[in-house]
mmCIF file of all heavy atoms, coordinates in Angstrom:
data_MODEL
# 
_entry.id   MODEL 
# 
loop_
_atom_site.group_PDB 
_atom_site.id 
_atom_site.type_symbol 
_atom_site.label_atom_id 
_atom_site.label_alt_id 
_atom_site.label_comp_id 
_atom_site.label_asym_id 
_atom_site.label_entity_id 
_atom_site.label_seq_id 
_atom_site.pdbx_PDB_ins_code 
_atom_site.Cartn_x 
_atom_site.Cartn_y 
_atom_site.Cartn_z 
_atom_site.occupancy 
_atom_site.B_iso_or_equiv 
_atom_site.pdbx_formal_charge 
_atom_site.auth_seq_id 
_atom_site.auth_comp_id 
_atom_site.auth_asym_id 
_atom_site.auth_atom_id 
_atom_site.pdbx_PDB_model_num 
ATOM 1   N N   . LEU A 1 1  ? -17.163 -15.249 -23.760 1.00 0.00 ? 1  LEU A N   1 
ATOM 2   C CA  . LEU A 1 1  ? -16.721 -13.845 -23.452 1.00 0.00 ? 1  LEU A CA  1 
ATOM 3   C C   . LEU A 1 1  ? -16.584 -13.577 -22.071 1.00 0.00 ? 1  LEU A C   1 
ATOM 4   O O   . LEU A 1 1  ? -15.681 -12.967 -21.595 1.00 0.00 ? 1  LEU A O   1 
ATOM 5   C CB  . LEU A 1 1  ? -17.898 -12.897 -24.009 1.00 0.00 ? 1  LEU A CB  1 
ATOM 6   C CG  . LEU A 1 1  ? -17.757 -11.421 -23.937 1.00 0.00 ? 1  LEU A CG  1 
ATOM 7   C CD1 . LEU A 1 1  ? -16.446 -10.920 -24.370 1.00 0.00 ? 1  LEU A CD1 1 
ATOM 8   C CD2 . LEU A 1 1  ? -18.848 -10.670 -24.384 1.00 0.00 ? 1  LEU A CD2 1 
ATOM 9   N N   . ALA A 1 2  ? -17.587 -14.197 -21.253 1.00 0.00 ? 2  ALA A N   1 
ATOM 10  C CA  . ALA A 1 2  ? -17.409 -13.959 -19.728 1.00 0.00 ? 2  ALA A CA  1 
ATOM 11  C C   . ALA A 1 2  ? -16.232 -14.545 -19.205 1.00 0.00 ? 2  ALA A C   1 
ATOM 12  O O   . ALA A 1 2  ? -15.594 -13.911 -18.329 1.00 0.00 ? 2  ALA A O   1 
ATOM 13  C CB  . ALA A 1 2  ? -18.712 -14.555 -19.097 1.00 0.00 ? 2  ALA A CB  1 
ATOM 14  N N   . ALA A 1 3  ? -15.791 -15.745 -19.668 1.00 0.00 ? 3  ALA A N   1 
ATOM 15  C CA  . ALA A 1 3  ? -14.713 -16.385 -19.019 1.00 0.00 ? 3  ALA A CA  1 
ATOM 16  C C   . ALA A 1 3  ? -13.336 -15.643 -19.379 1.00 0.00 ? 3  ALA A C   1 
ATOM 17  O O   . ALA A 1 3  ? -12.484 -15.386 -18.498 1.00 0.00 ? 3  ALA A O   1 
ATOM 18  C CB  . ALA A 1 3  ? -14.574 -17.825 -19.692 1.00 0.00 ? 3  ALA A CB  1 
ATOM 19  N N   . VAL A 1 4  ? -13.175 -15.144 -20.632 1.00 0.00 ? 4  VAL A N   1 
ATOM 20  C CA  . VAL A 1 4  ? -12.012 -14.393 -20.946 1.00 0.00 ? 4  VAL A CA  1 
ATOM 21  C C   . VAL A 1 4  ? -12.021 -13.100 -20.304 1.00 0.00 ? 4  VAL A C   1 
ATOM 22  O O   . VAL A 1 4  ? -11.002 -12.669 -19.834 1.00 0.00 ? 4  VAL A O   1 
ATOM 23  C CB  . VAL A 1 4  ? -12.031 -14.308 -22.548 1.00 0.00 ? 4  VAL A CB  1 
ATOM 24  C CG1 . VAL A 1 4  ? -10.794 -13.298 -22.920 1.00 0.00 ? 4  VAL A CG1 1 
ATOM 25  C CG2 . VAL A 1 4  ? -11.634 -15.674 -23.152 1.00 0.00 ? 4  VAL A CG2 1 
ATOM 26  N N   . ALA A 1 5  ? -13.187 -12.411 -20.256 1.00 0.00 ? 5  ALA A N   1 
ATOM 27  C CA  . ALA A 1 5  ? -13.278 -11.157 -19.568 1.00 0.00 ? 5  ALA A CA  1 
ATOM 28  C C   . ALA A 1 5  ? -12.867 -11.229 -18.065 1.00 0.00 ? 5  ALA A C   1 
ATOM 29  O O   . ALA A 1 5  ? -12.087 -10.406 -17.609 1.00 0.00 ? 5  ALA A O   1 
ATOM 30  C CB  . ALA A 1 5  ? -14.688 -10.481 -19.744 1.00 0.00 ? 5  ALA A CB  1 
ATOM 31  N N   . ALA A 1 6  ? -13.421 -12.266 -17.424 1.00 0.00 ? 6  ALA A N   1 
ATOM 32  C CA  . ALA A 1 6  ? -13.008 -12.474 -16.046 1.00 0.00 ? 6  ALA A CA  1 
ATOM 33  C C   . ALA A 1 6  ? -11.499 -12.651 -15.854 1.00 0.00 ? 6  ALA A C   1 
ATOM 34  O O   . ALA A 1 6  ? -10.912 -12.130 -14.929 1.00 0.00 ? 6  ALA A O   1 
ATOM 35  C CB  . ALA A 1 6  ? -13.748 -13.658 -15.412 1.00 0.00 ? 6  ALA A CB  1 
ATOM 36  N N   . GLU A 1 7  ? -10.960 -13.451 -16.726 1.00 0.00 ? 7  GLU A N   1 
ATOM 37  C CA  . GLU A 1 7  ? -9.422  -13.664 -16.671 1.00 0.00 ? 7  GLU A CA  1 
ATOM 38  C C   . GLU A 1 7  ? -8.734  -12.399 -16.754 1.00 0.00 ? 7  GLU A C   1 
ATOM 39  O O   . GLU A 1 7  ? -7.761  -12.188 -15.948 1.00 0.00 ? 7  GLU A O   1 
ATOM 40  C CB  . GLU A 1 7  ? -9.041  -14.638 -17.755 1.00 0.00 ? 7  GLU A CB  1 
ATOM 41  C CG  . GLU A 1 7  ? -7.579  -14.862 -17.887 1.00 0.00 ? 7  GLU A CG  1 
ATOM 42  C CD  . GLU A 1 7  ? -7.146  -15.619 -19.126 1.00 0.00 ? 7  GLU A CD  1 
ATOM 43  O OE1 . GLU A 1 7  ? -7.967  -16.342 -19.715 1.00 0.00 ? 7  GLU A OE1 1 
ATOM 44  O OE2 . GLU A 1 7  ? -6.090  -15.357 -19.611 1.00 0.00 ? 7  GLU A OE2 1 
ATOM 45  N N   . LEU A 1 8  ? -9.119  -11.578 -17.655 1.00 0.00 ? 8  LEU A N   1 
ATOM 46  C CA  . LEU A 1 8  ? -8.384  -10.271 -17.883 1.00 0.00 ? 8  LEU A CA  1 
ATOM 47  C C   . LEU A 1 8  ? -8.670  -9.285  -16.812 1.00 0.00 ? 8  LEU A C   1 
ATOM 48  O O   . LEU A 1 8  ? -7.869  -8.445  -16.430 1.00 0.00 ? 8  LEU A O   1 
ATOM 49  C CB  . LEU A 1 8  ? -8.848  -9.611  -19.218 1.00 0.00 ? 8  LEU A CB  1 
ATOM 50  C CG  . LEU A 1 8  ? -8.383  -10.438 -20.464 1.00 0.00 ? 8  LEU A CG  1 
ATOM 51  C CD1 . LEU A 1 8  ? -8.788  -9.755  -21.755 1.00 0.00 ? 8  LEU A CD1 1 
ATOM 52  C CD2 . LEU A 1 8  ? -6.780  -10.464 -20.522 1.00 0.00 ? 8  LEU A CD2 1 
ATOM 53  N N   . LEU A 1 9  ? -9.930  -9.343  -16.209 1.00 0.00 ? 9  LEU A N   1 
ATOM 54  C CA  . LEU A 1 9  ? -10.239 -8.393  -15.080 1.00 0.00 ? 9  LEU A CA  1 
ATOM 55  C C   . LEU A 1 9  ? -9.420  -8.776  -13.877 1.00 0.00 ? 9  LEU A C   1 
ATOM 56  O O   . LEU A 1 9  ? -9.022  -7.837  -13.071 1.00 0.00 ? 9  LEU A O   1 
ATOM 57  C CB  . LEU A 1 9  ? -11.676 -8.494  -14.758 1.00 0.00 ? 9  LEU A CB  1 
ATOM 58  C CG  . LEU A 1 9  ? -12.705 -7.868  -15.732 1.00 0.00 ? 9  LEU A CG  1 
ATOM 59  C CD1 . LEU A 1 9  ? -14.137 -8.275  -15.328 1.00 0.00 ? 9  LEU A CD1 1 
ATOM 60  C CD2 . LEU A 1 9  ? -12.425 -6.373  -15.961 1.00 0.00 ? 9  LEU A CD2 1 
ATOM 61  N N   . ASP A 1 10 ? -9.016  -10.089 -13.734 1.00 0.00 ? 10 ASP A N   1 
ATOM 62  C CA  . ASP A 1 10 ? -8.227  -10.566 -12.626 1.00 0.00 ? 10 ASP A CA  1 
ATOM 63  C C   . ASP A 1 10 ? -6.673  -10.300 -12.918 1.00 0.00 ? 10 ASP A C   1 
ATOM 64  O O   . ASP A 1 10 ? -5.952  -10.553 -11.947 1.00 0.00 ? 10 ASP A O   1 
ATOM 65  C CB  . ASP A 1 10 ? -8.508  -11.971 -12.249 1.00 0.00 ? 10 ASP A CB  1 
ATOM 66  C CG  . ASP A 1 10 ? -9.851  -12.130 -11.730 1.00 0.00 ? 10 ASP A CG  1 
ATOM 67  O OD1 . ASP A 1 10 ? -10.544 -11.217 -11.296 1.00 0.00 ? 10 ASP A OD1 1 
ATOM 68  O OD2 . ASP A 1 10 ? -10.388 -13.346 -11.749 1.00 0.00 ? 10 ASP A OD2 1 
ATOM 69  N N   . ASP A 1 11 ? -6.355  -9.930  -14.044 1.00 0.00 ? 11 ASP A N   1 
ATOM 70  C CA  . ASP A 1 11 ? -4.980  -9.827  -14.426 1.00 0.00 ? 11 ASP A CA  1 
ATOM 71  C C   . ASP A 1 11 ? -4.640  -8.520  -15.073 1.00 0.00 ? 11 ASP A C   1 
ATOM 72  O O   . ASP A 1 11 ? -4.597  -8.424  -16.318 1.00 0.00 ? 11 ASP A O   1 
ATOM 73  C CB  . ASP A 1 11 ? -4.613  -11.012 -15.367 1.00 0.00 ? 11 ASP A CB  1 
ATOM 74  C CG  . ASP A 1 11 ? -3.154  -11.079 -15.551 1.00 0.00 ? 11 ASP A CG  1 
ATOM 75  O OD1 . ASP A 1 11 ? -2.289  -10.147 -15.275 1.00 0.00 ? 11 ASP A OD1 1 
ATOM 76  O OD2 . ASP A 1 11 ? -2.660  -12.089 -16.172 1.00 0.00 ? 11 ASP A OD2 1 
ATOM 77  N N   . PRO A 1 12 ? -4.525  -7.345  -14.259 1.00 0.00 ? 12 PRO A N   1 
ATOM 78  C CA  . PRO A 1 12 ? -4.305  -6.088  -14.881 1.00 0.00 ? 12 PRO A CA  1 
ATOM 79  C C   . PRO A 1 12 ? -2.974  -6.022  -15.670 1.00 0.00 ? 12 PRO A C   1 
ATOM 80  O O   . PRO A 1 12 ? -2.939  -5.245  -16.649 1.00 0.00 ? 12 PRO A O   1 
ATOM 81  C CB  . PRO A 1 12 ? -4.252  -5.162  -13.630 1.00 0.00 ? 12 PRO A CB  1 
ATOM 82  C CG  . PRO A 1 12 ? -4.012  -6.061  -12.496 1.00 0.00 ? 12 PRO A CG  1 
ATOM 83  C CD  . PRO A 1 12 ? -4.668  -7.277  -12.804 1.00 0.00 ? 12 PRO A CD  1 
ATOM 84  N N   . ASP A 1 13 ? -2.010  -6.793  -15.387 1.00 0.00 ? 13 ASP A N   1 
ATOM 85  C CA  . ASP A 1 13 ? -0.798  -6.826  -16.079 1.00 0.00 ? 13 ASP A CA  1 
ATOM 86  C C   . ASP A 1 13 ? -0.933  -7.322  -17.484 1.00 0.00 ? 13 ASP A C   1 
ATOM 87  O O   . ASP A 1 13 ? -0.404  -6.701  -18.495 1.00 0.00 ? 13 ASP A O   1 
ATOM 88  C CB  . ASP A 1 13 ? 0.318   -7.616  -15.298 1.00 0.00 ? 13 ASP A CB  1 
ATOM 89  C CG  . ASP A 1 13 ? 0.820   -7.030  -14.100 1.00 0.00 ? 13 ASP A CG  1 
ATOM 90  O OD1 . ASP A 1 13 ? 0.655   -5.755  -13.924 1.00 0.00 ? 13 ASP A OD1 1 
ATOM 91  O OD2 . ASP A 1 13 ? 1.371   -7.804  -13.335 1.00 0.00 ? 13 ASP A OD2 1 
ATOM 92  N N   . GLN A 1 14 ? -1.745  -8.352  -17.616 1.00 0.00 ? 14 GLN A N   1 
ATOM 93  C CA  . GLN A 1 14 ? -2.119  -8.865  -18.940 1.00 0.00 ? 14 GLN A CA  1 
ATOM 94  C C   . GLN A 1 14 ? -2.853  -7.766  -19.730 1.00 0.00 ? 14 GLN A C   1 
ATOM 95  O O   . GLN A 1 14 ? -2.619  -7.619  -20.973 1.00 0.00 ? 14 GLN A O   1 
ATOM 96  C CB  . GLN A 1 14 ? -2.874  -10.227 -18.914 1.00 0.00 ? 14 GLN A CB  1 
ATOM 97  C CG  . GLN A 1 14 ? -3.152  -10.713 -20.321 1.00 0.00 ? 14 GLN A CG  1 
ATOM 98  C CD  . GLN A 1 14 ? -3.821  -12.074 -20.236 1.00 0.00 ? 14 GLN A CD  1 
ATOM 99  O OE1 . GLN A 1 14 ? -4.126  -12.660 -21.314 1.00 0.00 ? 14 GLN A OE1 1 
ATOM 100 N NE2 . GLN A 1 14 ? -4.254  -12.492 -19.080 1.00 0.00 ? 14 GLN A NE2 1 
ATOM 101 N N   . ARG A 1 15 ? -3.808  -7.156  -19.155 1.00 0.00 ? 15 ARG A N   1 
ATOM 102 C CA  . ARG A 1 15 ? -4.606  -6.200  -19.807 1.00 0.00 ? 15 ARG A CA  1 
ATOM 103 C C   . ARG A 1 15 ? -3.756  -4.978  -20.307 1.00 0.00 ? 15 ARG A C   1 
ATOM 104 O O   . ARG A 1 15 ? -3.791  -4.538  -21.423 1.00 0.00 ? 15 ARG A O   1 
ATOM 105 C CB  . ARG A 1 15 ? -5.689  -5.481  -18.874 1.00 0.00 ? 15 ARG A CB  1 
ATOM 106 C CG  . ARG A 1 15 ? -6.787  -6.333  -18.536 1.00 0.00 ? 15 ARG A CG  1 
ATOM 107 C CD  . ARG A 1 15 ? -7.993  -5.577  -18.017 1.00 0.00 ? 15 ARG A CD  1 
ATOM 108 N NE  . ARG A 1 15 ? -7.752  -4.562  -17.005 1.00 0.00 ? 15 ARG A NE  1 
ATOM 109 C CZ  . ARG A 1 15 ? -7.785  -4.748  -15.736 1.00 0.00 ? 15 ARG A CZ  1 
ATOM 110 N NH1 . ARG A 1 15 ? -7.925  -5.940  -15.196 1.00 0.00 ? 15 ARG A NH1 1 
ATOM 111 N NH2 . ARG A 1 15 ? -7.621  -3.714  -14.951 1.00 0.00 ? 15 ARG A NH2 1 
ATOM 112 N N   . GLU A 1 16 ? -2.829  -4.607  -19.435 1.00 0.00 ? 16 GLU A N   1 
ATOM 113 C CA  . GLU A 1 16 ? -1.863  -3.543  -19.903 1.00 0.00 ? 16 GLU A CA  1 
ATOM 114 C C   . GLU A 1 16 ? -0.943  -4.007  -21.028 1.00 0.00 ? 16 GLU A C   1 
ATOM 115 O O   . GLU A 1 16 ? -0.700  -3.251  -21.949 1.00 0.00 ? 16 GLU A O   1 
ATOM 116 C CB  . GLU A 1 16 ? -1.080  -3.129  -18.665 1.00 0.00 ? 16 GLU A CB  1 
ATOM 117 C CG  . GLU A 1 16 ? 0.006   -1.953  -18.931 1.00 0.00 ? 16 GLU A CG  1 
ATOM 118 C CD  . GLU A 1 16 ? -0.769  -0.644  -19.102 1.00 0.00 ? 16 GLU A CD  1 
ATOM 119 O OE1 . GLU A 1 16 ? -1.954  -0.461  -18.675 1.00 0.00 ? 16 GLU A OE1 1 
ATOM 120 O OE2 . GLU A 1 16 ? -0.080  0.160   -19.830 1.00 0.00 ? 16 GLU A OE2 1 
ATOM 121 N N   . ARG A 1 17 ? -0.477  -5.223  -20.893 1.00 0.00 ? 17 ARG A N   1 
ATOM 122 C CA  . ARG A 1 17 ? 0.394   -5.750  -21.988 1.00 0.00 ? 17 ARG A CA  1 
ATOM 123 C C   . ARG A 1 17 ? -0.386  -5.824  -23.267 1.00 0.00 ? 17 ARG A C   1 
ATOM 124 O O   . ARG A 1 17 ? 0.214   -5.360  -24.303 1.00 0.00 ? 17 ARG A O   1 
ATOM 125 C CB  . ARG A 1 17 ? 0.912   -7.066  -21.558 1.00 0.00 ? 17 ARG A CB  1 
ATOM 126 C CG  . ARG A 1 17 ? 1.763   -7.785  -22.698 1.00 0.00 ? 17 ARG A CG  1 
ATOM 127 C CD  . ARG A 1 17 ? 2.275   -9.119  -22.205 1.00 0.00 ? 17 ARG A CD  1 
ATOM 128 N NE  . ARG A 1 17 ? 1.166   -10.126 -22.034 1.00 0.00 ? 17 ARG A NE  1 
ATOM 129 C CZ  . ARG A 1 17 ? 0.633   -10.751 -22.990 1.00 0.00 ? 17 ARG A CZ  1 
ATOM 130 N NH1 . ARG A 1 17 ? 0.838   -10.547 -24.185 1.00 0.00 ? 17 ARG A NH1 1 
ATOM 131 N NH2 . ARG A 1 17 ? -0.437  -11.587 -22.625 1.00 0.00 ? 17 ARG A NH2 1 
ATOM 132 N N   . LEU A 1 18 ? -1.539  -6.325  -23.308 1.00 0.00 ? 18 LEU A N   1 
ATOM 133 C CA  . LEU A 1 18 ? -2.275  -6.471  -24.529 1.00 0.00 ? 18 LEU A CA  1 
ATOM 134 C C   . LEU A 1 18 ? -2.623  -5.140  -25.134 1.00 0.00 ? 18 LEU A C   1 
ATOM 135 O O   . LEU A 1 18 ? -2.557  -4.911  -26.303 1.00 0.00 ? 18 LEU A O   1 
ATOM 136 C CB  . LEU A 1 18 ? -3.568  -7.266  -24.292 1.00 0.00 ? 18 LEU A CB  1 
ATOM 137 C CG  . LEU A 1 18 ? -3.361  -8.758  -23.983 1.00 0.00 ? 18 LEU A CG  1 
ATOM 138 C CD1 . LEU A 1 18 ? -4.693  -9.422  -23.598 1.00 0.00 ? 18 LEU A CD1 1 
ATOM 139 C CD2 . LEU A 1 18 ? -2.739  -9.538  -25.108 1.00 0.00 ? 18 LEU A CD2 1 
ATOM 140 N N   . GLY A 1 19 ? -3.069  -4.266  -24.267 1.00 0.00 ? 19 GLY A N   1 
ATOM 141 C CA  . GLY A 1 19 ? -3.378  -2.861  -24.721 1.00 0.00 ? 19 GLY A CA  1 
ATOM 142 C C   . GLY A 1 19 ? -2.237  -2.176  -25.358 1.00 0.00 ? 19 GLY A C   1 
ATOM 143 O O   . GLY A 1 19 ? -2.336  -1.436  -26.407 1.00 0.00 ? 19 GLY A O   1 
ATOM 144 N N   . ALA A 1 20 ? -1.042  -2.224  -24.750 1.00 0.00 ? 20 ALA A N   1 
ATOM 145 C CA  . ALA A 1 20 ? 0.094   -1.591  -25.294 1.00 0.00 ? 20 ALA A CA  1 
ATOM 146 C C   . ALA A 1 20 ? 0.527   -2.179  -26.571 1.00 0.00 ? 20 ALA A C   1 
ATOM 147 O O   . ALA A 1 20 ? 0.986   -1.470  -27.477 1.00 0.00 ? 20 ALA A O   1 
ATOM 148 C CB  . ALA A 1 20 ? 1.176   -1.654  -24.192 1.00 0.00 ? 20 ALA A CB  1 
ATOM 149 N N   . ALA A 1 21 ? 0.537   -3.470  -26.597 1.00 0.00 ? 21 ALA A N   1 
ATOM 150 C CA  . ALA A 1 21 ? 0.898   -4.137  -27.832 1.00 0.00 ? 21 ALA A CA  1 
ATOM 151 C C   . ALA A 1 21 ? -0.022  -3.803  -29.077 1.00 0.00 ? 21 ALA A C   1 
ATOM 152 O O   . ALA A 1 21 ? 0.393   -3.684  -30.154 1.00 0.00 ? 21 ALA A O   1 
ATOM 153 C CB  . ALA A 1 21 ? 0.934   -5.676  -27.673 1.00 0.00 ? 21 ALA A CB  1 
ATOM 154 N N   . ALA A 1 22 ? -1.355  -3.743  -28.673 1.00 0.00 ? 22 ALA A N   1 
ATOM 155 C CA  . ALA A 1 22 ? -2.388  -3.406  -29.643 1.00 0.00 ? 22 ALA A CA  1 
ATOM 156 C C   . ALA A 1 22 ? -2.086  -2.010  -30.235 1.00 0.00 ? 22 ALA A C   1 
ATOM 157 O O   . ALA A 1 22 ? -2.247  -1.738  -31.410 1.00 0.00 ? 22 ALA A O   1 
ATOM 158 C CB  . ALA A 1 22 ? -3.745  -3.498  -29.151 1.00 0.00 ? 22 ALA A CB  1 
ATOM 159 N N   . ARG A 1 23 ? -1.879  -1.074  -29.322 1.00 0.00 ? 23 ARG A N   1 
ATOM 160 C CA  . ARG A 1 23 ? -1.691  0.287   -29.701 1.00 0.00 ? 23 ARG A CA  1 
ATOM 161 C C   . ARG A 1 23 ? -0.491  0.434   -30.762 1.00 0.00 ? 23 ARG A C   1 
ATOM 162 O O   . ARG A 1 23 ? -0.662  0.983   -31.788 1.00 0.00 ? 23 ARG A O   1 
ATOM 163 C CB  . ARG A 1 23 ? -1.442  1.279   -28.506 1.00 0.00 ? 23 ARG A CB  1 
ATOM 164 C CG  . ARG A 1 23 ? -1.340  2.638   -28.823 1.00 0.00 ? 23 ARG A CG  1 
ATOM 165 C CD  . ARG A 1 23 ? -1.215  3.448   -27.440 1.00 0.00 ? 23 ARG A CD  1 
ATOM 166 N NE  . ARG A 1 23 ? -1.413  4.848   -27.697 1.00 0.00 ? 23 ARG A NE  1 
ATOM 167 C CZ  . ARG A 1 23 ? -0.398  5.661   -28.179 1.00 0.00 ? 23 ARG A CZ  1 
ATOM 168 N NH1 . ARG A 1 23 ? 0.763   5.194   -28.525 1.00 0.00 ? 23 ARG A NH1 1 
ATOM 169 N NH2 . ARG A 1 23 ? -0.728  6.995   -28.362 1.00 0.00 ? 23 ARG A NH2 1 
ATOM 170 N N   . ALA A 1 24 ? 0.604   -0.234  -30.455 1.00 0.00 ? 24 ALA A N   1 
ATOM 171 C CA  . ALA A 1 24 ? 1.821   -0.184  -31.341 1.00 0.00 ? 24 ALA A CA  1 
ATOM 172 C C   . ALA A 1 24 ? 1.502   -0.832  -32.633 1.00 0.00 ? 24 ALA A C   1 
ATOM 173 O O   . ALA A 1 24 ? 1.827   -0.272  -33.772 1.00 0.00 ? 24 ALA A O   1 
ATOM 174 C CB  . ALA A 1 24 ? 3.035   -0.797  -30.593 1.00 0.00 ? 24 ALA A CB  1 
ATOM 175 N N   . ASP A 1 25 ? 0.892   -2.022  -32.540 1.00 0.00 ? 25 ASP A N   1 
ATOM 176 C CA  . ASP A 1 25 ? 0.711   -2.858  -33.762 1.00 0.00 ? 25 ASP A CA  1 
ATOM 177 C C   . ASP A 1 25 ? -0.322  -2.139  -34.686 1.00 0.00 ? 25 ASP A C   1 
ATOM 178 O O   . ASP A 1 25 ? -0.051  -2.045  -35.894 1.00 0.00 ? 25 ASP A O   1 
ATOM 179 C CB  . ASP A 1 25 ? 0.164   -4.239  -33.368 1.00 0.00 ? 25 ASP A CB  1 
ATOM 180 C CG  . ASP A 1 25 ? -0.108  -5.127  -34.498 1.00 0.00 ? 25 ASP A CG  1 
ATOM 181 O OD1 . ASP A 1 25 ? 0.837   -5.460  -35.175 1.00 0.00 ? 25 ASP A OD1 1 
ATOM 182 O OD2 . ASP A 1 25 ? -1.241  -5.481  -34.715 1.00 0.00 ? 25 ASP A OD2 1 
ATOM 183 N N   . VAL A 1 26 ? -1.409  -1.683  -34.208 1.00 0.00 ? 26 VAL A N   1 
ATOM 184 C CA  . VAL A 1 26 ? -2.469  -1.236  -34.996 1.00 0.00 ? 26 VAL A CA  1 
ATOM 185 C C   . VAL A 1 26 ? -2.092  0.151   -35.673 1.00 0.00 ? 26 VAL A C   1 
ATOM 186 O O   . VAL A 1 26 ? -2.371  0.373   -36.799 1.00 0.00 ? 26 VAL A O   1 
ATOM 187 C CB  . VAL A 1 26 ? -3.714  -1.123  -34.255 1.00 0.00 ? 26 VAL A CB  1 
ATOM 188 C CG1 . VAL A 1 26 ? -4.806  -0.198  -34.939 1.00 0.00 ? 26 VAL A CG1 1 
ATOM 189 C CG2 . VAL A 1 26 ? -4.451  -2.502  -33.937 1.00 0.00 ? 26 VAL A CG2 1 
ATOM 190 N N   . ARG A 1 27 ? -1.388  1.007   -34.833 1.00 0.00 ? 27 ARG A N   1 
ATOM 191 C CA  . ARG A 1 27 ? -0.944  2.252   -35.407 1.00 0.00 ? 27 ARG A CA  1 
ATOM 192 C C   . ARG A 1 27 ? -0.029  2.137   -36.548 1.00 0.00 ? 27 ARG A C   1 
ATOM 193 O O   . ARG A 1 27 ? 0.154   2.920   -37.445 1.00 0.00 ? 27 ARG A O   1 
ATOM 194 C CB  . ARG A 1 27 ? -0.406  3.158   -34.299 1.00 0.00 ? 27 ARG A CB  1 
ATOM 195 C CG  . ARG A 1 27 ? -1.490  3.668   -33.406 1.00 0.00 ? 27 ARG A CG  1 
ATOM 196 C CD  . ARG A 1 27 ? -0.959  4.445   -32.151 1.00 0.00 ? 27 ARG A CD  1 
ATOM 197 N NE  . ARG A 1 27 ? -1.981  5.039   -31.361 1.00 0.00 ? 27 ARG A NE  1 
ATOM 198 C CZ  . ARG A 1 27 ? -2.345  6.253   -31.502 1.00 0.00 ? 27 ARG A CZ  1 
ATOM 199 N NH1 . ARG A 1 27 ? -1.849  7.114   -32.283 1.00 0.00 ? 27 ARG A NH1 1 
ATOM 200 N NH2 . ARG A 1 27 ? -3.393  6.716   -30.752 1.00 0.00 ? 27 ARG A NH2 1 
ATOM 201 N N   . ALA A 1 28 ? 0.814   0.950   -36.487 1.00 0.00 ? 28 ALA A N   1 
ATOM 202 C CA  . ALA A 1 28 ? 1.726   0.673   -37.511 1.00 0.00 ? 28 ALA A CA  1 
ATOM 203 C C   . ALA A 1 28 ? 1.035   0.053   -38.810 1.00 0.00 ? 28 ALA A C   1 
ATOM 204 O O   . ALA A 1 28 ? 1.274   0.533   -39.904 1.00 0.00 ? 28 ALA A O   1 
ATOM 205 C CB  . ALA A 1 28 ? 2.938   -0.208  -37.083 1.00 0.00 ? 28 ALA A CB  1 
ATOM 206 N N   . ARG A 1 29 ? 0.333   -0.945  -38.565 1.00 0.00 ? 29 ARG A N   1 
ATOM 207 C CA  . ARG A 1 29 ? -0.231  -1.653  -39.714 1.00 0.00 ? 29 ARG A CA  1 
ATOM 208 C C   . ARG A 1 29 ? -1.507  -1.016  -40.382 1.00 0.00 ? 29 ARG A C   1 
ATOM 209 O O   . ARG A 1 29 ? -1.757  -1.308  -41.519 1.00 0.00 ? 29 ARG A O   1 
ATOM 210 C CB  . ARG A 1 29 ? -0.698  -3.017  -39.257 1.00 0.00 ? 29 ARG A CB  1 
ATOM 211 C CG  . ARG A 1 29 ? 0.466   -3.973  -38.893 1.00 0.00 ? 29 ARG A CG  1 
ATOM 212 C CD  . ARG A 1 29 ? -0.036  -5.429  -38.786 1.00 0.00 ? 29 ARG A CD  1 
ATOM 213 N NE  . ARG A 1 29 ? -0.953  -5.616  -37.693 1.00 0.00 ? 29 ARG A NE  1 
ATOM 214 C CZ  . ARG A 1 29 ? -2.197  -6.104  -37.891 1.00 0.00 ? 29 ARG A CZ  1 
ATOM 215 N NH1 . ARG A 1 29 ? -2.642  -6.445  -39.133 1.00 0.00 ? 29 ARG A NH1 1 
ATOM 216 N NH2 . ARG A 1 29 ? -3.003  -6.336  -36.842 1.00 0.00 ? 29 ARG A NH2 1 
ATOM 217 N N   . PHE A 1 30 ? -2.146  -0.127  -39.676 1.00 0.00 ? 30 PHE A N   1 
ATOM 218 C CA  . PHE A 1 30 ? -3.308  0.580   -40.121 1.00 0.00 ? 30 PHE A CA  1 
ATOM 219 C C   . PHE A 1 30 ? -3.096  2.071   -40.274 1.00 0.00 ? 30 PHE A C   1 
ATOM 220 O O   . PHE A 1 30 ? -4.057  2.794   -40.074 1.00 0.00 ? 30 PHE A O   1 
ATOM 221 C CB  . PHE A 1 30 ? -4.547  0.226   -39.308 1.00 0.00 ? 30 PHE A CB  1 
ATOM 222 C CG  . PHE A 1 30 ? -4.953  -1.229  -39.318 1.00 0.00 ? 30 PHE A CG  1 
ATOM 223 C CD1 . PHE A 1 30 ? -4.302  -2.101  -38.372 1.00 0.00 ? 30 PHE A CD1 1 
ATOM 224 C CD2 . PHE A 1 30 ? -5.929  -1.745  -40.271 1.00 0.00 ? 30 PHE A CD2 1 
ATOM 225 C CE1 . PHE A 1 30 ? -4.717  -3.425  -38.437 1.00 0.00 ? 30 PHE A CE1 1 
ATOM 226 C CE2 . PHE A 1 30 ? -6.245  -3.088  -40.222 1.00 0.00 ? 30 PHE A CE2 1 
ATOM 227 C CZ  . PHE A 1 30 ? -5.582  -3.899  -39.305 1.00 0.00 ? 30 PHE A CZ  1 
# 
């Protein structure tokens, strides 16, 4: 958990991409 969290904390673009994709995907499928 710490390793992946540190990777994402250092990469705001990846955080933004994952969050935007999650929002669209979950709102459609659920």
